[in-house]
Protein backbone atom coordinates (compact mmCIF):
# COMPACT_ATOMS: atom_id res chain seq x y z
CA MET A 1 -11.38 -3.91 2.33
CA ARG A 2 -12.60 -0.56 3.66
CA THR A 3 -10.67 1.01 6.59
CA ASP A 4 -10.26 4.50 8.10
CA LEU A 5 -7.61 5.09 5.43
CA THR A 6 -9.62 4.26 2.38
CA VAL A 7 -11.72 6.80 0.44
CA PRO A 8 -14.22 6.25 -2.40
CA VAL A 9 -13.46 7.93 -5.77
CA ALA A 10 -16.14 6.43 -7.96
CA HIS A 11 -17.72 9.90 -8.51
CA LEU A 12 -14.26 11.26 -9.61
CA SER A 13 -13.60 8.68 -12.34
CA GLN A 14 -16.12 10.25 -14.73
CA GLN A 15 -15.12 13.82 -14.21
CA GLN A 16 -11.65 14.81 -15.30
CA GLY A 17 -10.31 17.64 -13.31
CA HIS A 18 -12.98 17.30 -10.57
CA GLY A 19 -11.80 17.01 -6.94
CA TYR A 20 -12.78 17.02 -3.31
CA GLU A 21 -11.11 17.51 0.02
CA VAL A 22 -10.59 14.99 2.79
CA ALA A 23 -10.01 16.56 6.19
CA THR A 24 -10.06 13.96 8.97
CA SER A 25 -8.28 12.26 11.86
CA VAL A 26 -7.53 8.55 11.57
CA PRO A 27 -5.89 6.08 13.96
CA ALA A 28 -2.36 5.19 12.93
CA PRO A 29 -1.95 1.66 11.62
CA ASP A 30 0.77 -0.58 13.15
CA ALA A 31 4.37 -0.44 12.20
CA VAL A 32 4.60 3.21 11.08
CA GLY A 33 8.11 3.83 12.17
CA VAL A 34 11.79 2.88 12.17
CA ALA A 35 13.85 1.13 14.89
CA LEU A 36 14.05 3.94 17.44
CA ILE A 37 11.05 6.21 16.64
CA GLY A 38 7.56 5.93 15.07
CA ILE A 39 3.94 6.73 15.31
CA PRO A 40 2.29 4.55 18.01
CA GLU A 41 -0.51 2.46 16.71
CA ASP A 42 -3.93 4.00 17.00
CA ASP A 43 -2.44 7.46 17.75
CA PRO A 44 -4.15 10.17 15.63
CA ILE A 45 -2.94 11.03 12.15
CA GLU A 46 -4.43 14.24 10.89
CA LEU A 47 -5.15 14.39 7.10
CA GLU A 48 -5.78 17.49 5.01
CA LEU A 49 -5.92 16.20 1.43
CA GLN A 50 -7.24 17.11 -1.96
CA LEU A 51 -8.17 14.33 -4.30
CA SER A 52 -8.31 15.19 -7.95
CA ALA A 53 -9.33 13.13 -11.00
CA LEU A 54 -6.75 12.89 -13.81
CA ASP A 55 -6.68 10.83 -16.93
CA GLU A 56 -4.11 8.42 -15.46
CA GLY A 57 -5.66 8.14 -12.04
CA VAL A 58 -6.29 10.15 -8.82
CA LEU A 59 -3.91 12.80 -7.65
CA VAL A 60 -3.62 12.80 -3.77
CA GLN A 61 -1.97 15.87 -2.38
CA GLY A 62 -1.94 17.79 0.90
CA THR A 63 -0.60 17.56 4.43
CA ILE A 64 -0.23 14.63 6.90
CA SER A 65 0.34 15.53 10.54
CA ALA A 66 1.29 13.20 13.45
CA THR A 67 3.52 13.01 16.52
CA ALA A 68 6.19 10.31 16.54
CA VAL A 69 7.41 8.81 19.84
CA GLY A 70 10.77 7.22 20.41
CA GLN A 71 14.20 7.20 22.04
CA CYS A 72 17.23 9.50 21.69
CA ALA A 73 19.89 7.36 19.84
CA ARG A 74 22.54 8.69 22.37
CA CYS A 75 21.02 8.90 25.75
CA LEU A 76 17.86 6.68 25.33
CA GLN A 77 15.56 9.38 26.80
CA GLU A 78 12.06 9.36 25.49
CA ILE A 79 11.38 11.89 22.84
CA THR A 80 8.41 13.24 20.88
CA LEU A 81 8.72 14.57 17.29
CA PRO A 82 5.89 16.54 15.87
CA MET A 83 5.59 15.85 12.11
CA GLN A 84 3.89 17.73 9.27
CA GLU A 85 4.59 16.18 5.88
CA GLN A 86 3.57 17.17 2.35
CA ILE A 87 2.29 14.52 0.08
CA ALA A 88 1.73 14.45 -3.71
CA GLU A 89 1.11 11.10 -5.13
CA LEU A 90 -0.70 9.74 -8.26
CA VAL A 91 -2.82 6.64 -7.69
CA PHE A 92 -3.15 5.01 -11.03
CA HIS A 93 -6.30 3.53 -12.55
CA PRO A 94 -5.74 -0.20 -13.07
CA GLU A 95 -5.91 -0.02 -16.81
CA ARG A 96 -3.23 2.62 -17.05
CA GLN A 97 -0.98 0.57 -14.80
CA GLN A 98 -1.45 -2.40 -17.15
CA GLU A 99 -0.55 -0.09 -20.13
CA LEU A 100 2.68 0.97 -18.34
CA ILE A 101 3.64 -2.69 -17.57
CA ALA A 102 2.96 -3.58 -21.33
CA GLU A 103 5.24 -0.67 -22.24
CA GLY A 104 8.07 -2.28 -20.30
CA ASP A 105 7.92 -0.05 -17.22
CA GLU A 106 9.60 -2.22 -14.60
CA GLU A 107 8.38 -0.19 -11.61
CA ALA A 108 4.70 -0.12 -12.76
CA ALA A 109 3.78 -3.20 -10.88
CA ASP A 110 4.56 -1.51 -7.56
CA LEU A 111 2.50 1.71 -8.38
CA PRO A 112 -0.44 2.54 -6.09
CA VAL A 113 -3.72 1.62 -7.92
CA VAL A 114 -7.36 2.54 -7.49
CA ALA A 115 -9.12 -0.75 -6.53
CA ASP A 116 -12.90 -1.14 -6.61
CA ASP A 117 -13.25 2.65 -6.96
CA VAL A 118 -11.40 3.08 -3.71
CA VAL A 119 -8.09 4.73 -2.99
CA ASP A 120 -6.18 3.19 -0.12
CA LEU A 121 -4.29 5.98 1.61
CA GLU A 122 -2.45 3.77 4.12
CA PRO A 123 0.68 2.97 2.01
CA LEU A 124 0.82 6.75 0.95
CA VAL A 125 0.55 7.93 4.54
CA ARG A 126 2.98 5.23 5.80
CA ASP A 127 5.61 6.11 3.22
CA ALA A 128 5.21 9.90 3.72
CA LEU A 129 5.85 9.53 7.48
CA VAL A 130 8.41 6.74 7.64
CA LEU A 131 10.67 8.24 4.97
CA SER A 132 10.67 11.51 7.00
CA LEU A 133 11.67 9.86 10.31
CA PRO A 134 15.31 10.20 11.42
CA LEU A 135 17.20 6.96 11.65
CA SER A 136 19.06 8.23 14.66
CA PRO A 137 16.76 10.64 16.55
CA LEU A 138 18.27 12.94 19.19
CA CYS A 139 16.64 14.66 22.11
CA ARG A 140 18.82 17.68 21.07
CA PRO A 141 21.69 18.06 18.49
CA ASP A 142 24.40 18.27 21.14
CA CYS A 143 23.20 15.43 23.37
CA PRO A 144 26.34 13.97 25.18
CA GLY A 145 24.78 10.59 25.53
CA LEU A 146 25.65 8.06 28.19
CA CYS A 147 28.80 7.60 30.33
CA ALA A 148 30.52 4.58 28.80
CA GLU A 149 31.46 3.30 32.18
CA CYS A 150 28.35 3.49 34.35
CA GLY A 151 25.66 3.97 31.76
CA GLU A 152 24.16 7.01 33.27
CA ARG A 153 23.05 9.97 31.11
CA TRP A 154 25.73 12.63 31.10
CA ASP A 155 23.08 15.25 31.56
CA ASP A 156 22.16 13.75 35.06
CA LEU A 157 25.77 13.48 36.24
CA PRO A 158 27.86 16.13 38.06
CA ASP A 159 30.42 18.06 35.97
CA ASP A 160 33.36 16.36 37.88
CA HIS A 161 32.02 12.89 37.08
CA LYS A 162 34.85 10.48 36.27
CA HIS A 163 35.97 6.96 36.64
CA GLU A 164 39.42 5.71 37.70
CA PHE A 165 40.90 3.26 35.23
CA LEU A 166 43.44 0.69 36.33
CA ASP A 167 45.46 -0.76 33.60
CA PRO A 168 45.27 -4.62 33.97
CA ARG A 169 48.86 -4.88 32.76
CA PHE A 170 49.99 -3.34 36.03
CA SER A 171 48.04 -5.63 38.34
CA ALA A 172 51.08 -7.87 38.85
CA LEU A 173 53.04 -4.83 39.93
CA ASP A 174 50.34 -3.84 42.23
CA ALA A 175 50.48 -7.30 43.78
CA LEU A 176 54.23 -7.14 44.15
CA ALA A 177 53.95 -3.67 45.80
CA GLU A 178 51.51 -5.07 48.36
CA GLN A 179 53.94 -7.95 49.12
CA LEU A 180 56.84 -5.53 49.55
CA MET A 181 54.81 -3.31 51.97
CA ALA A 182 53.63 -6.37 53.84
CA GLY A 183 57.21 -7.60 54.16
CA GLU A 184 58.47 -4.21 55.39
CA ALA A 185 55.64 -4.04 57.95
CA LYS A 186 56.57 -7.52 59.30
CA ALA A 187 60.26 -6.65 59.40
CA GLU A 188 59.46 -3.63 61.49
CA ASP A 189 57.26 -5.64 63.82
CA GLU A 190 59.98 -8.26 64.25
CA ALA A 191 62.60 -5.56 64.97
CA GLY A 192 60.29 -4.03 67.58
CA GLU A 193 60.62 -0.58 68.99
CA PRO A 194 64.21 0.48 69.85
CA SER A 195 64.77 0.53 73.66
CA ALA A 196 65.08 3.90 75.19
């Protein structure tokens, strides 16, 4: 199936060492990302690649550029992350892949393969970008995150922001203190003001 991320290479298969450049912008496929950050679907991915014919397959090398969008892992603020990743991957001819499998290479079945004289760049682009994304992206390295009590961003709160914590173990003492004060107030009321 031909997509924006497939390139024909039939003319390379006959010419060892021959190559050509691919410089284009393609829409991002879906699911290029990790939990908190990724490349939004259909956002542009810039490709500046060189495809070269080798005995074993087609060497794809060059630069992939995109902008990831996500949330800071500490304060949940939206962030953008410009990316420019280098790629150098060999896409094997099917017969070479079969030779490797026959030789007992356990990983050969998962190698990228030229199919119908076409190289599918999508898995190469996806791997290059996803493997470079931070699992815990931050808006800045020293982001203080959120207040654990009210959930507001520390950056948006005043310097003297704090919460009073009452230990629940002292709630019985607080109730007793209120009873004592109420009893004293009642006793004073019953005694009345001393006569002049």
